[in-house]
């Protein structure tokens, strides 16, 4: 799994983001993190996926699909689909 296969849109203060990052790190799942507060264009991607809301964590996968605040199980299931 390459870092580019999952992008996590996040903020530094998001507890759900920190939890999911820790879980993915423990499982050896690599990902790229984009701080939507530092990158306004990324915030627009998150808003598009979440009906105008800046809800994080939002994960976008290599196939263009997205999940909002997924569980580790949901992330692993999606990555298995893409493998």
PDB file of N, CA and C in Angstrom:
ATOM      1  N   UNK A   1       0.862  -1.179   0.000  1.00  0.00           N
ATOM      2  CA  UNK A   1       0.000   0.000   0.000  1.00  0.00           C
ATOM      3  C   UNK A   1       0.903   1.235   0.000  1.00  0.00           C
ATOM      4  N   UNK A   2       0.677   2.115  -0.924  1.00  0.00           N
ATOM      5  CA  UNK A   2       1.481   3.331  -0.984  1.00  0.00           C
ATOM      6  C   UNK A   2       0.737   4.464  -0.295  1.00  0.00           C
ATOM      7  N   UNK A   3       1.490   5.472   0.119  1.00  0.00           N
ATOM      8  CA  UNK A   3       0.887   6.608   0.816  1.00  0.00           C
ATOM      9  C   UNK A   3      -0.154   7.291  -0.055  1.00  0.00           C
ATOM     10  N   UNK A   4       0.034   7.272  -1.369  1.00  0.00           N
ATOM     11  CA  UNK A   4      -0.874   7.970  -2.269  1.00  0.00           C
ATOM     12  C   UNK A   4      -2.215   7.255  -2.414  1.00  0.00           C
ATOM     13  N   UNK A   5      -2.324   6.014  -1.947  1.00  0.00           N
ATOM     14  CA  UNK A   5      -3.573   5.277  -2.148  1.00  0.00           C
ATOM     15  C   UNK A   5      -4.680   5.739  -1.199  1.00  0.00           C
ATOM     16  N   UNK A   6      -4.315   6.392  -0.096  1.00  0.00           N
ATOM     17  CA  UNK A   6      -5.299   6.949   0.837  1.00  0.00           C
ATOM     18  C   UNK A   6      -4.838   8.351   1.227  1.00  0.00           C
ATOM     19  N   UNK A   7      -5.748   9.305   1.096  1.00  0.00           N
ATOM     20  CA  UNK A   7      -5.468  10.659   1.564  1.00  0.00           C
ATOM     21  C   UNK A   7      -6.450  10.960   2.684  1.00  0.00           C
ATOM     22  N   UNK A   8      -5.906  11.376   3.832  1.00  0.00           N
ATOM     23  CA  UNK A   8      -6.750  11.747   4.965  1.00  0.00           C
ATOM     24  C   UNK A   8      -6.771  13.271   5.073  1.00  0.00           C
ATOM     25  N   UNK A   9      -7.952  13.839   4.923  1.00  0.00           N
ATOM     26  CA  UNK A   9      -8.132  15.269   5.119  1.00  0.00           C
ATOM     27  C   UNK A   9      -8.449  15.473   6.596  1.00  0.00           C
ATOM     28  N   UNK A  10      -7.715  16.375   7.230  1.00  0.00           N
ATOM     29  CA  UNK A  10      -7.692  16.458   8.677  1.00  0.00           C
ATOM     30  C   UNK A  10      -7.487  17.901   9.129  1.00  0.00           C
ATOM     31  N   UNK A  11      -7.565  18.099  10.443  1.00  0.00           N
ATOM     32  CA  UNK A  11      -7.142  19.349  11.084  1.00  0.00           C
ATOM     33  C   UNK A  11      -6.280  18.960  12.275  1.00  0.00           C
ATOM     34  N   UNK A  12      -5.406  19.855  12.737  1.00  0.00           N
ATOM     35  CA  UNK A  12      -4.530  19.522  13.866  1.00  0.00           C
ATOM     36  C   UNK A  12      -5.286  19.285  15.176  1.00  0.00           C
ATOM     37  N   UNK A  13      -6.450  19.876  15.323  1.00  0.00           N
ATOM     38  CA  UNK A  13      -7.187  19.820  16.583  1.00  0.00           C
ATOM     39  C   UNK A  13      -8.256  18.723  16.628  1.00  0.00           C
ATOM     40  N   UNK A  14      -8.389  17.952  15.571  1.00  0.00           N
ATOM     41  CA  UNK A  14      -9.462  16.950  15.471  1.00  0.00           C
ATOM     42  C   UNK A  14      -9.097  15.666  16.212  1.00  0.00           C
ATOM     43  N   UNK A  15      -9.808  15.383  17.292  1.00  0.00           N
ATOM     44  CA  UNK A  15      -9.570  14.173  18.073  1.00  0.00           C
ATOM     45  C   UNK A  15      -9.848  12.898  17.291  1.00  0.00           C
ATOM     46  N   UNK A  16     -10.906  12.900  16.474  1.00  0.00           N
ATOM     47  CA  UNK A  16     -11.226  11.726  15.665  1.00  0.00           C
ATOM     48  C   UNK A  16     -10.106  11.446  14.664  1.00  0.00           C
ATOM     49  N   UNK A  17      -9.521  12.518  14.140  1.00  0.00           N
ATOM     50  CA  UNK A  17      -8.406  12.377  13.190  1.00  0.00           C
ATOM     51  C   UNK A  17      -7.203  11.740  13.885  1.00  0.00           C
ATOM     52  N   UNK A  18      -6.864  12.236  15.064  1.00  0.00           N
ATOM     53  CA  UNK A  18      -5.727  11.690  15.815  1.00  0.00           C
ATOM     54  C   UNK A  18      -5.942  10.214  16.125  1.00  0.00           C
ATOM     55  N   UNK A  19      -7.155   9.864  16.520  1.00  0.00           N
ATOM     56  CA  UNK A  19      -7.450   8.462  16.841  1.00  0.00           C
ATOM     57  C   UNK A  19      -7.282   7.576  15.610  1.00  0.00           C
ATOM     58  N   UNK A  20      -7.861   7.991  14.487  1.00  0.00           N
ATOM     59  CA  UNK A  20      -7.772   7.172  13.274  1.00  0.00           C
ATOM     60  C   UNK A  20      -6.333   7.067  12.783  1.00  0.00           C
ATOM     61  N   UNK A  21      -5.585   8.169  12.855  1.00  0.00           N
ATOM     62  CA  UNK A  21      -4.165   8.121  12.466  1.00  0.00           C
ATOM     63  C   UNK A  21      -3.416   7.101  13.314  1.00  0.00           C
ATOM     64  N   UNK A  22      -3.628   7.122  14.623  1.00  0.00           N
ATOM     65  CA  UNK A  22      -2.956   6.179  15.524  1.00  0.00           C
ATOM     66  C   UNK A  22      -3.318   4.740  15.174  1.00  0.00           C
ATOM     67  N   UNK A  23      -4.597   4.499  14.922  1.00  0.00           N
ATOM     68  CA  UNK A  23      -5.041   3.149  14.580  1.00  0.00           C
ATOM     69  C   UNK A  23      -4.426   2.685  13.263  1.00  0.00           C
ATOM     70  N   UNK A  24      -4.409   3.565  12.270  1.00  0.00           N
ATOM     71  CA  UNK A  24      -3.843   3.204  10.969  1.00  0.00           C
ATOM     72  C   UNK A  24      -2.326   2.983  11.082  1.00  0.00           C
ATOM     73  N   UNK A  25      -1.669   3.806  11.885  1.00  0.00           N
ATOM     74  CA  UNK A  25      -0.232   3.630  12.121  1.00  0.00           C
ATOM     75  C   UNK A  25       0.043   2.259  12.733  1.00  0.00           C
ATOM     76  N   UNK A  26      -0.737   1.884  13.748  1.00  0.00           N
ATOM     77  CA  UNK A  26      -0.564   0.584  14.412  1.00  0.00           C
ATOM     78  C   UNK A  26      -0.744  -0.573  13.435  1.00  0.00           C
ATOM     79  N   UNK A  27      -1.659  -0.403  12.475  1.00  0.00           N
ATOM     80  CA  UNK A  27      -1.945  -1.456  11.500  1.00  0.00           C
ATOM     81  C   UNK A  27      -0.985  -1.425  10.306  1.00  0.00           C
ATOM     82  N   UNK A  28      -0.110  -0.428  10.263  1.00  0.00           N
ATOM     83  CA  UNK A  28       0.834  -0.325   9.151  1.00  0.00           C
ATOM     84  C   UNK A  28       0.206   0.165   7.858  1.00  0.00           C
ATOM     85  N   UNK A  29      -0.907   0.874   7.969  1.00  0.00           N
ATOM     86  CA  UNK A  29      -1.587   1.427   6.785  1.00  0.00           C
ATOM     87  C   UNK A  29      -0.998   2.800   6.514  1.00  0.00           C
ATOM     88  N   UNK A  30      -0.393   2.954   5.350  1.00  0.00           N
ATOM     89  CA  UNK A  30       0.205   4.249   5.022  1.00  0.00           C
ATOM     90  C   UNK A  30      -0.838   5.157   4.381  1.00  0.00           C
ATOM     91  N   UNK A  31      -0.654   6.446   4.583  1.00  0.00           N
ATOM     92  CA  UNK A  31      -1.617   7.432   4.101  1.00  0.00           C
ATOM     93  C   UNK A  31      -0.920   8.779   4.021  1.00  0.00           C
ATOM     94  N   UNK A  32      -1.523   9.652   3.271  1.00  0.00           N
ATOM     95  CA  UNK A  32      -1.056  11.038   3.175  1.00  0.00           C
ATOM     96  C   UNK A  32      -2.040  11.893   3.959  1.00  0.00           C
ATOM     97  N   UNK A  33      -1.535  12.824   4.739  1.00  0.00           N
ATOM     98  CA  UNK A  33      -2.395  13.721   5.517  1.00  0.00           C
ATOM     99  C   UNK A  33      -2.377  15.106   4.871  1.00  0.00           C
ATOM    100  N   UNK A  34      -3.565  15.673   4.708  1.00  0.00           N
ATOM    101  CA  UNK A  34      -3.689  17.042   4.197  1.00  0.00           C
ATOM    102  C   UNK A  34      -4.485  17.844   5.222  1.00  0.00           C
ATOM    103  N   UNK A  35      -3.873  18.892   5.740  1.00  0.00           N
ATOM    104  CA  UNK A  35      -4.514  19.776   6.716  1.00  0.00           C
ATOM    105  C   UNK A  35      -5.395  20.765   5.957  1.00  0.00           C
ATOM    106  N   UNK A  36      -6.705  20.650   6.142  1.00  0.00           N
ATOM    107  CA  UNK A  36      -7.611  21.508   5.369  1.00  0.00           C
ATOM    108  C   UNK A  36      -7.550  22.968   5.804  1.00  0.00           C
ATOM    109  N   UNK A  37      -6.998  23.238   6.980  1.00  0.00           N
ATOM    110  CA  UNK A  37      -6.840  24.633   7.399  1.00  0.00           C
ATOM    111  C   UNK A  37      -5.664  25.292   6.695  1.00  0.00           C
ATOM    112  N   UNK A  38      -4.702  24.512   6.281  1.00  0.00           N
ATOM    113  CA  UNK A  38      -3.525  25.031   5.581  1.00  0.00           C
ATOM    114  C   UNK A  38      -3.707  25.041   4.059  1.00  0.00           C
ATOM    115  N   UNK A  39      -4.657  24.253   3.573  1.00  0.00           N
ATOM    116  CA  UNK A  39      -4.860  24.106   2.122  1.00  0.00           C
ATOM    117  C   UNK A  39      -6.333  24.306   1.780  1.00  0.00           C
ATOM    118  N   UNK A  40      -6.727  25.536   1.454  1.00  0.00           N
ATOM    119  CA  UNK A  40      -8.137  25.825   1.173  1.00  0.00           C
ATOM    120  C   UNK A  40      -8.729  24.958   0.062  1.00  0.00           C
ATOM    121  N   UNK A  41      -7.909  24.590  -0.910  1.00  0.00           N
ATOM    122  CA  UNK A  41      -8.419  23.736  -1.995  1.00  0.00           C
ATOM    123  C   UNK A  41      -8.807  22.363  -1.451  1.00  0.00           C
ATOM    124  N   UNK A  42      -8.115  21.896  -0.429  1.00  0.00           N
ATOM    125  CA  UNK A  42      -8.453  20.619   0.200  1.00  0.00           C
ATOM    126  C   UNK A  42      -9.774  20.736   0.961  1.00  0.00           C
ATOM    127  N   UNK A  43      -9.988  21.874   1.597  1.00  0.00           N
ATOM    128  CA  UNK A  43     -11.258  22.097   2.300  1.00  0.00           C
ATOM    129  C   UNK A  43     -12.419  22.009   1.322  1.00  0.00           C
ATOM    130  N   UNK A  44     -12.221  22.472   0.111  1.00  0.00           N
ATOM    131  CA  UNK A  44     -13.272  22.401  -0.909  1.00  0.00           C
ATOM    132  C   UNK A  44     -13.586  20.950  -1.280  1.00  0.00           C
ATOM    133  N   UNK A  45     -12.556  20.108  -1.327  1.00  0.00           N
ATOM    134  CA  UNK A  45     -12.765  18.683  -1.612  1.00  0.00           C
ATOM    135  C   UNK A  45     -13.612  18.059  -0.508  1.00  0.00           C
ATOM    136  N   UNK A  46     -13.269  18.370   0.743  1.00  0.00           N
ATOM    137  CA  UNK A  46     -14.001  17.834   1.894  1.00  0.00           C
ATOM    138  C   UNK A  46     -15.452  18.320   1.869  1.00  0.00           C
ATOM    139  N   UNK A  47     -15.654  19.573   1.570  1.00  0.00           N
ATOM    140  CA  UNK A  47     -17.015  20.121   1.494  1.00  0.00           C
ATOM    141  C   UNK A  47     -17.826  19.421   0.406  1.00  0.00           C
ATOM    142  N   UNK A  48     -17.207  19.155  -0.735  1.00  0.00           N
ATOM    143  CA  UNK A  48     -17.908  18.502  -1.846  1.00  0.00           C
ATOM    144  C   UNK A  48     -18.373  17.109  -1.435  1.00  0.00           C
ATOM    145  N   UNK A  49     -17.534  16.381  -0.740  1.00  0.00           N
ATOM    146  CA  UNK A  49     -17.849  15.020  -0.306  1.00  0.00           C
ATOM    147  C   UNK A  49     -18.899  15.012   0.807  1.00  0.00           C
ATOM    148  N   UNK A  50     -18.926  16.067   1.628  1.00  0.00           N
ATOM    149  CA  UNK A  50     -19.761  16.099   2.836  1.00  0.00           C
ATOM    150  C   UNK A  50     -20.882  17.136   2.780  1.00  0.00           C
ATOM    151  N   UNK A  51     -21.472  17.306   1.614  1.00  0.00           N
ATOM    152  CA  UNK A  51     -22.636  18.186   1.467  1.00  0.00           C
ATOM    153  C   UNK A  51     -22.413  19.585   2.013  1.00  0.00           C
ATOM    154  N   UNK A  52     -21.239  20.154   1.737  1.00  0.00           N
ATOM    155  CA  UNK A  52     -20.943  21.523   2.139  1.00  0.00           C
ATOM    156  C   UNK A  52     -20.293  21.659   3.498  1.00  0.00           C
ATOM    157  N   UNK A  53     -20.125  20.553   4.219  1.00  0.00           N
ATOM    158  CA  UNK A  53     -19.530  20.595   5.556  1.00  0.00           C
ATOM    159  C   UNK A  53     -18.052  20.228   5.517  1.00  0.00           C
ATOM    160  N   UNK A  54     -17.283  20.844   6.408  1.00  0.00           N
ATOM    161  CA  UNK A  54     -15.859  20.520   6.527  1.00  0.00           C
ATOM    162  C   UNK A  54     -15.681  19.470   7.614  1.00  0.00           C
ATOM    163  N   UNK A  55     -16.222  18.284   7.372  1.00  0.00           N
ATOM    164  CA  UNK A  55     -16.175  17.194   8.347  1.00  0.00           C
ATOM    165  C   UNK A  55     -14.900  16.385   8.152  1.00  0.00           C
ATOM    166  N   UNK A  56     -14.136  16.242   9.236  1.00  0.00           N
ATOM    167  CA  UNK A  56     -12.908  15.466   9.202  1.00  0.00           C
ATOM    168  C   UNK A  56     -12.923  14.449  10.338  1.00  0.00           C
ATOM    169  N   UNK A  57     -12.224  13.333  10.185  1.00  0.00           N
ATOM    170  CA  UNK A  57     -11.422  12.978   9.026  1.00  0.00           C
ATOM    171  C   UNK A  57     -12.286  12.537   7.843  1.00  0.00           C
ATOM    172  N   UNK A  58     -11.883  12.976   6.681  1.00  0.00           N
ATOM    173  CA  UNK A  58     -12.444  12.484   5.436  1.00  0.00           C
ATOM    174  C   UNK A  58     -11.316  11.784   4.705  1.00  0.00           C
ATOM    175  N   UNK A  59     -11.537  10.524   4.341  1.00  0.00           N
ATOM    176  CA  UNK A  59     -10.540   9.757   3.594  1.00  0.00           C
ATOM    177  C   UNK A  59     -10.986   9.633   2.153  1.00  0.00           C
ATOM    178  N   UNK A  60     -10.046   9.875   1.239  1.00  0.00           N
ATOM    179  CA  UNK A  60     -10.309   9.710  -0.187  1.00  0.00           C
ATOM    180  C   UNK A  60      -9.332   8.650  -0.689  1.00  0.00           C
ATOM    181  N   UNK A  61      -9.878   7.691  -1.410  1.00  0.00           N
ATOM    182  CA  UNK A  61      -9.105   6.542  -1.877  1.00  0.00           C
ATOM    183  C   UNK A  61      -8.698   6.709  -3.336  1.00  0.00           C
ATOM    184  N   UNK A  62      -7.811   5.829  -3.764  1.00  0.00           N
ATOM    185  CA  UNK A  62      -7.267   5.891  -5.127  1.00  0.00           C
ATOM    186  C   UNK A  62      -8.357   5.809  -6.195  1.00  0.00           C
ATOM    187  N   UNK A  63      -9.474   5.146  -5.889  1.00  0.00           N
ATOM    188  CA  UNK A  63     -10.559   5.024  -6.870  1.00  0.00           C
ATOM    189  C   UNK A  63     -11.489   6.230  -6.866  1.00  0.00           C
ATOM    190  N   UNK A  64     -11.188   7.230  -6.024  1.00  0.00           N
ATOM    191  CA  UNK A  64     -11.997   8.443  -5.973  1.00  0.00           C
ATOM    192  C   UNK A  64     -13.120   8.384  -4.957  1.00  0.00           C
ATOM    193  N   UNK A  65     -13.347   7.229  -4.348  1.00  0.00           N
ATOM    194  CA  UNK A  65     -14.397   7.123  -3.337  1.00  0.00           C
ATOM    195  C   UNK A  65     -13.917   7.765  -2.039  1.00  0.00           C
ATOM    196  N   UNK A  66     -14.862   8.056  -1.160  1.00  0.00           N
ATOM    197  CA  UNK A  66     -14.528   8.746   0.090  1.00  0.00           C
ATOM    198  C   UNK A  66     -15.318   8.153   1.243  1.00  0.00           C
ATOM    199  N   UNK A  67     -14.746   8.291   2.446  1.00  0.00           N
ATOM    200  CA  UNK A  67     -15.429   7.932   3.684  1.00  0.00           C
ATOM    201  C   UNK A  67     -15.222   9.081   4.666  1.00  0.00           C
ATOM    202  N   UNK A  68     -16.269   9.372   5.435  1.00  0.00           N
ATOM    203  CA  UNK A  68     -16.190  10.414   6.454  1.00  0.00           C
ATOM    204  C   UNK A  68     -16.207   9.775   7.827  1.00  0.00           C
ATOM    205  N   UNK A  69     -15.178  10.104   8.615  1.00  0.00           N
ATOM    206  CA  UNK A  69     -15.020   9.574   9.964  1.00  0.00           C
ATOM    207  C   UNK A  69     -15.239   8.063  10.019  1.00  0.00           C
ATOM    208  N   UNK A  70     -14.513   7.319   9.175  1.00  0.00           N
ATOM    209  CA  UNK A  70     -14.715   5.868   9.162  1.00  0.00           C
ATOM    210  C   UNK A  70     -14.038   5.205  10.356  1.00  0.00           C
ATOM    211  N   UNK A  71     -14.509   4.013  10.667  1.00  0.00           N
ATOM    212  CA  UNK A  71     -13.828   3.196  11.668  1.00  0.00           C
ATOM    213  C   UNK A  71     -12.617   2.540  10.999  1.00  0.00           C
ATOM    214  N   UNK A  72     -11.707   2.037  11.805  1.00  0.00           N
ATOM    215  CA  UNK A  72     -10.562   1.321  11.248  1.00  0.00           C
ATOM    216  C   UNK A  72     -11.042   0.127  10.431  1.00  0.00           C
ATOM    217  N   UNK A  73     -12.071  -0.558  10.905  1.00  0.00           N
ATOM    218  CA  UNK A  73     -12.631  -1.702  10.177  1.00  0.00           C
ATOM    219  C   UNK A  73     -13.104  -1.279   8.789  1.00  0.00           C
ATOM    220  N   UNK A  74     -13.802  -0.140   8.704  1.00  0.00           N
ATOM    221  CA  UNK A  74     -14.282   0.344   7.410  1.00  0.00           C
ATOM    222  C   UNK A  74     -13.116   0.667   6.478  1.00  0.00           C
ATOM    223  N   UNK A  75     -12.058   1.256   7.020  1.00  0.00           N
ATOM    224  CA  UNK A  75     -10.876   1.584   6.212  1.00  0.00           C
ATOM    225  C   UNK A  75     -10.255   0.298   5.681  1.00  0.00           C
ATOM    226  N   UNK A  76     -10.091  -0.683   6.545  1.00  0.00           N
ATOM    227  CA  UNK A  76      -9.470  -1.944   6.136  1.00  0.00           C
ATOM    228  C   UNK A  76     -10.321  -2.660   5.088  1.00  0.00           C
ATOM    229  N   UNK A  77     -11.633  -2.619   5.255  1.00  0.00           N
ATOM    230  CA  UNK A  77     -12.533  -3.249   4.271  1.00  0.00           C
ATOM    231  C   UNK A  77     -12.418  -2.563   2.915  1.00  0.00           C
ATOM    232  N   UNK A  78     -12.360  -1.240   2.922  1.00  0.00           N
ATOM    233  CA  UNK A  78     -12.241  -0.499   1.658  1.00  0.00           C
ATOM    234  C   UNK A  78     -10.907  -0.799   0.988  1.00  0.00           C
ATOM    235  N   UNK A  79      -9.832  -0.816   1.758  1.00  0.00           N
ATOM    236  CA  UNK A  79      -8.529  -1.108   1.177  1.00  0.00           C
ATOM    237  C   UNK A  79      -8.472  -2.531   0.622  1.00  0.00           C
ATOM    238  N   UNK A  80      -9.156  -3.457   1.263  1.00  0.00           N
ATOM    239  CA  UNK A  80      -9.216  -4.841   0.758  1.00  0.00           C
ATOM    240  C   UNK A  80      -9.944  -4.895  -0.583  1.00  0.00           C
ATOM    241  N   UNK A  81     -10.995  -4.077  -0.724  1.00  0.00           N
ATOM    242  CA  UNK A  81     -11.719  -3.995  -2.007  1.00  0.00           C
ATOM    243  C   UNK A  81     -10.828  -3.509  -3.126  1.00  0.00           C
ATOM    244  N   UNK A  82      -9.948  -2.560  -2.789  1.00  0.00           N
ATOM    245  CA  UNK A  82      -9.106  -1.928  -3.803  1.00  0.00           C
ATOM    246  C   UNK A  82      -7.857  -2.754  -4.137  1.00  0.00           C
ATOM    247  N   UNK A  83      -7.540  -3.716  -3.290  1.00  0.00           N
ATOM    248  CA  UNK A  83      -6.304  -4.506  -3.476  1.00  0.00           C
ATOM    249  C   UNK A  83      -6.411  -5.434  -4.678  1.00  0.00           C
TER     250      UNK A  83
END
